[in-house]
N, C-alpha and C. Protein backbone atom coordinates (compact mmCIF):
# COMPACT_ATOMS: atom_id res chain seq x y z
N MET A 1 16.37 19.61 14.77
CA MET A 1 15.12 19.31 14.09
C MET A 1 14.47 18.10 14.76
N PRO A 2 13.19 18.18 15.07
CA PRO A 2 12.53 17.01 15.65
C PRO A 2 12.31 15.92 14.60
N LYS A 3 12.17 14.71 15.09
CA LYS A 3 11.92 13.60 14.18
C LYS A 3 10.47 13.65 13.72
N LEU A 4 10.23 13.18 12.49
CA LEU A 4 8.87 13.11 11.95
C LEU A 4 8.28 11.75 12.27
N LYS A 5 6.99 11.74 12.58
CA LYS A 5 6.32 10.48 12.86
C LYS A 5 5.79 9.87 11.58
N THR A 6 5.89 8.55 11.49
CA THR A 6 5.32 7.81 10.37
C THR A 6 3.87 7.50 10.70
N LYS A 7 2.98 7.64 9.70
CA LYS A 7 1.57 7.26 9.89
C LYS A 7 1.50 5.75 10.03
N SER A 8 0.98 5.26 11.17
CA SER A 8 1.01 3.81 11.39
C SER A 8 0.12 3.04 10.44
N GLY A 9 -0.94 3.65 9.95
CA GLY A 9 -1.79 2.97 8.97
C GLY A 9 -1.05 2.77 7.66
N ALA A 10 -0.22 3.74 7.28
CA ALA A 10 0.51 3.66 6.02
C ALA A 10 1.63 2.63 6.08
N LYS A 11 2.31 2.52 7.23
CA LYS A 11 3.42 1.57 7.29
C LYS A 11 2.94 0.13 7.23
N LYS A 12 1.66 -0.11 7.59
CA LYS A 12 1.11 -1.45 7.50
C LYS A 12 0.65 -1.80 6.09
N ARG A 13 0.39 -0.80 5.26
CA ARG A 13 -0.25 -1.04 3.96
C ARG A 13 0.64 -0.83 2.76
N PHE A 14 1.70 -0.04 2.90
CA PHE A 14 2.53 0.32 1.75
C PHE A 14 3.99 -0.02 2.00
N LYS A 15 4.73 -0.23 0.90
CA LYS A 15 6.16 -0.52 0.97
C LYS A 15 6.83 0.28 -0.14
N VAL A 16 7.94 0.93 0.19
CA VAL A 16 8.67 1.70 -0.81
C VAL A 16 9.86 0.88 -1.27
N THR A 17 10.01 0.73 -2.59
CA THR A 17 11.10 -0.06 -3.14
C THR A 17 12.39 0.75 -3.12
N GLY A 18 13.47 0.11 -3.50
CA GLY A 18 14.76 0.79 -3.55
C GLY A 18 14.81 1.90 -4.56
N THR A 19 14.04 1.79 -5.64
CA THR A 19 14.02 2.83 -6.67
C THR A 19 13.02 3.93 -6.37
N GLY A 20 12.26 3.79 -5.27
CA GLY A 20 11.34 4.85 -4.87
C GLY A 20 9.89 4.62 -5.24
N LYS A 21 9.58 3.49 -5.87
CA LYS A 21 8.19 3.20 -6.20
C LYS A 21 7.45 2.76 -4.94
N VAL A 22 6.15 3.06 -4.89
CA VAL A 22 5.33 2.66 -3.75
C VAL A 22 4.51 1.45 -4.17
N MET A 23 4.66 0.35 -3.44
CA MET A 23 3.93 -0.88 -3.73
C MET A 23 2.76 -1.00 -2.77
N ALA A 24 1.62 -1.47 -3.29
CA ALA A 24 0.43 -1.62 -2.47
C ALA A 24 -0.33 -2.86 -2.92
N ALA A 25 -1.00 -3.49 -1.96
CA ALA A 25 -1.85 -4.64 -2.28
C ALA A 25 -3.19 -4.14 -2.80
N ALA A 26 -3.93 -5.03 -3.43
CA ALA A 26 -5.25 -4.68 -3.95
C ALA A 26 -6.21 -4.42 -2.81
N ALA A 27 -7.15 -3.52 -3.03
CA ALA A 27 -8.16 -3.21 -2.01
C ALA A 27 -9.18 -4.34 -1.95
N GLY A 28 -9.82 -4.48 -0.80
CA GLY A 28 -10.90 -5.45 -0.66
C GLY A 28 -10.43 -6.87 -0.40
N LYS A 29 -9.23 -7.04 0.19
CA LYS A 29 -8.73 -8.40 0.44
C LYS A 29 -8.42 -8.63 1.92
N ARG A 30 -9.02 -7.86 2.83
CA ARG A 30 -8.67 -7.96 4.24
C ARG A 30 -9.67 -8.77 5.06
N HIS A 31 -10.95 -8.62 4.78
CA HIS A 31 -11.95 -9.40 5.52
C HIS A 31 -13.21 -9.50 4.65
N ARG A 32 -14.17 -10.30 5.07
CA ARG A 32 -15.42 -10.57 4.34
C ARG A 32 -15.14 -11.12 2.95
N LEU A 33 -14.20 -12.04 2.83
CA LEU A 33 -13.86 -12.61 1.52
C LEU A 33 -14.84 -13.69 1.09
N ILE A 34 -15.70 -14.14 1.99
CA ILE A 34 -16.67 -15.18 1.64
C ILE A 34 -17.66 -14.66 0.60
N SER A 35 -17.87 -13.34 0.57
CA SER A 35 -18.81 -12.77 -0.39
C SER A 35 -18.19 -12.56 -1.77
N HIS A 36 -16.86 -12.72 -1.89
CA HIS A 36 -16.19 -12.59 -3.19
C HIS A 36 -15.96 -13.98 -3.77
N ASN A 37 -16.00 -14.06 -5.09
CA ASN A 37 -15.74 -15.35 -5.72
C ASN A 37 -14.25 -15.61 -5.86
N GLY A 38 -13.90 -16.83 -6.23
CA GLY A 38 -12.50 -17.23 -6.29
C GLY A 38 -11.70 -16.46 -7.30
N LYS A 39 -12.33 -16.10 -8.42
CA LYS A 39 -11.63 -15.36 -9.47
C LYS A 39 -11.19 -13.99 -8.96
N TYR A 40 -12.05 -13.32 -8.21
CA TYR A 40 -11.73 -12.00 -7.65
C TYR A 40 -10.54 -12.10 -6.70
N ILE A 41 -10.56 -13.10 -5.82
CA ILE A 41 -9.50 -13.27 -4.84
C ILE A 41 -8.18 -13.61 -5.53
N ARG A 42 -8.23 -14.46 -6.55
CA ARG A 42 -7.04 -14.87 -7.29
C ARG A 42 -6.43 -13.70 -8.05
N GLN A 43 -7.25 -12.92 -8.73
CA GLN A 43 -6.74 -11.84 -9.58
C GLN A 43 -6.18 -10.67 -8.78
N ASN A 44 -6.60 -10.54 -7.52
CA ASN A 44 -6.11 -9.44 -6.69
C ASN A 44 -5.01 -9.88 -5.73
N ARG A 45 -4.35 -10.98 -6.04
CA ARG A 45 -3.25 -11.48 -5.22
C ARG A 45 -1.99 -10.65 -5.52
N GLY A 46 -1.13 -10.50 -4.52
CA GLY A 46 0.15 -9.83 -4.74
C GLY A 46 0.04 -8.32 -4.61
N THR A 47 1.11 -7.64 -5.00
CA THR A 47 1.18 -6.18 -4.91
C THR A 47 1.46 -5.59 -6.28
N SER A 48 1.18 -4.30 -6.43
CA SER A 48 1.48 -3.60 -7.67
C SER A 48 1.91 -2.18 -7.33
N ALA A 49 2.60 -1.55 -8.27
CA ALA A 49 3.09 -0.18 -8.06
C ALA A 49 1.92 0.79 -8.17
N MET A 50 1.91 1.79 -7.30
CA MET A 50 0.87 2.81 -7.33
C MET A 50 1.18 3.85 -8.39
N CYS A 51 0.15 4.59 -8.83
CA CYS A 51 0.37 5.66 -9.79
C CYS A 51 1.13 6.80 -9.10
N ALA A 52 1.75 7.65 -9.88
CA ALA A 52 2.64 8.68 -9.35
C ALA A 52 1.91 9.66 -8.44
N GLN A 53 0.67 10.00 -8.78
CA GLN A 53 -0.08 10.97 -7.97
C GLN A 53 -0.38 10.43 -6.58
N ASP A 54 -0.80 9.16 -6.51
CA ASP A 54 -1.08 8.56 -5.20
C ASP A 54 0.20 8.29 -4.43
N ALA A 55 1.25 7.91 -5.13
CA ALA A 55 2.52 7.61 -4.47
C ALA A 55 3.09 8.85 -3.78
N ARG A 56 2.89 10.02 -4.38
CA ARG A 56 3.38 11.26 -3.78
C ARG A 56 2.72 11.49 -2.42
N THR A 57 1.43 11.20 -2.32
CA THR A 57 0.72 11.36 -1.05
C THR A 57 1.22 10.37 -0.01
N VAL A 58 1.41 9.12 -0.43
CA VAL A 58 1.84 8.07 0.50
C VAL A 58 3.24 8.36 1.02
N LYS A 59 4.10 8.91 0.18
CA LYS A 59 5.48 9.20 0.61
C LYS A 59 5.53 10.27 1.70
N LYS A 60 4.52 11.13 1.76
CA LYS A 60 4.45 12.11 2.85
C LYS A 60 4.14 11.42 4.17
N PHE A 61 3.40 10.31 4.10
CA PHE A 61 3.06 9.55 5.31
C PHE A 61 4.23 8.70 5.79
N LEU A 62 5.20 8.41 4.90
CA LEU A 62 6.35 7.58 5.23
C LEU A 62 7.63 8.40 5.06
N PRO A 63 7.94 9.28 5.99
CA PRO A 63 9.02 10.24 5.76
C PRO A 63 10.42 9.61 5.66
N TYR A 64 10.64 8.44 6.26
CA TYR A 64 11.98 7.85 6.25
C TYR A 64 12.08 6.62 5.38
N ALA A 65 11.11 6.40 4.51
CA ALA A 65 11.11 5.22 3.65
C ALA A 65 11.93 5.48 2.40
């Protein structure tokens, strides 16, 4: 069986925990932050678990995670 390739965009953005949950950072925190206020930047700090429907899609992009 050939090896499956991981989507390089997904490996930079998502992390799979030991229990199988997919963690992701908030959207809109990569560039052009000068246009956002401090409250927006503060509240979107850190990562959170994705919903089950989206996590199923991301897991297809990360076959060995």
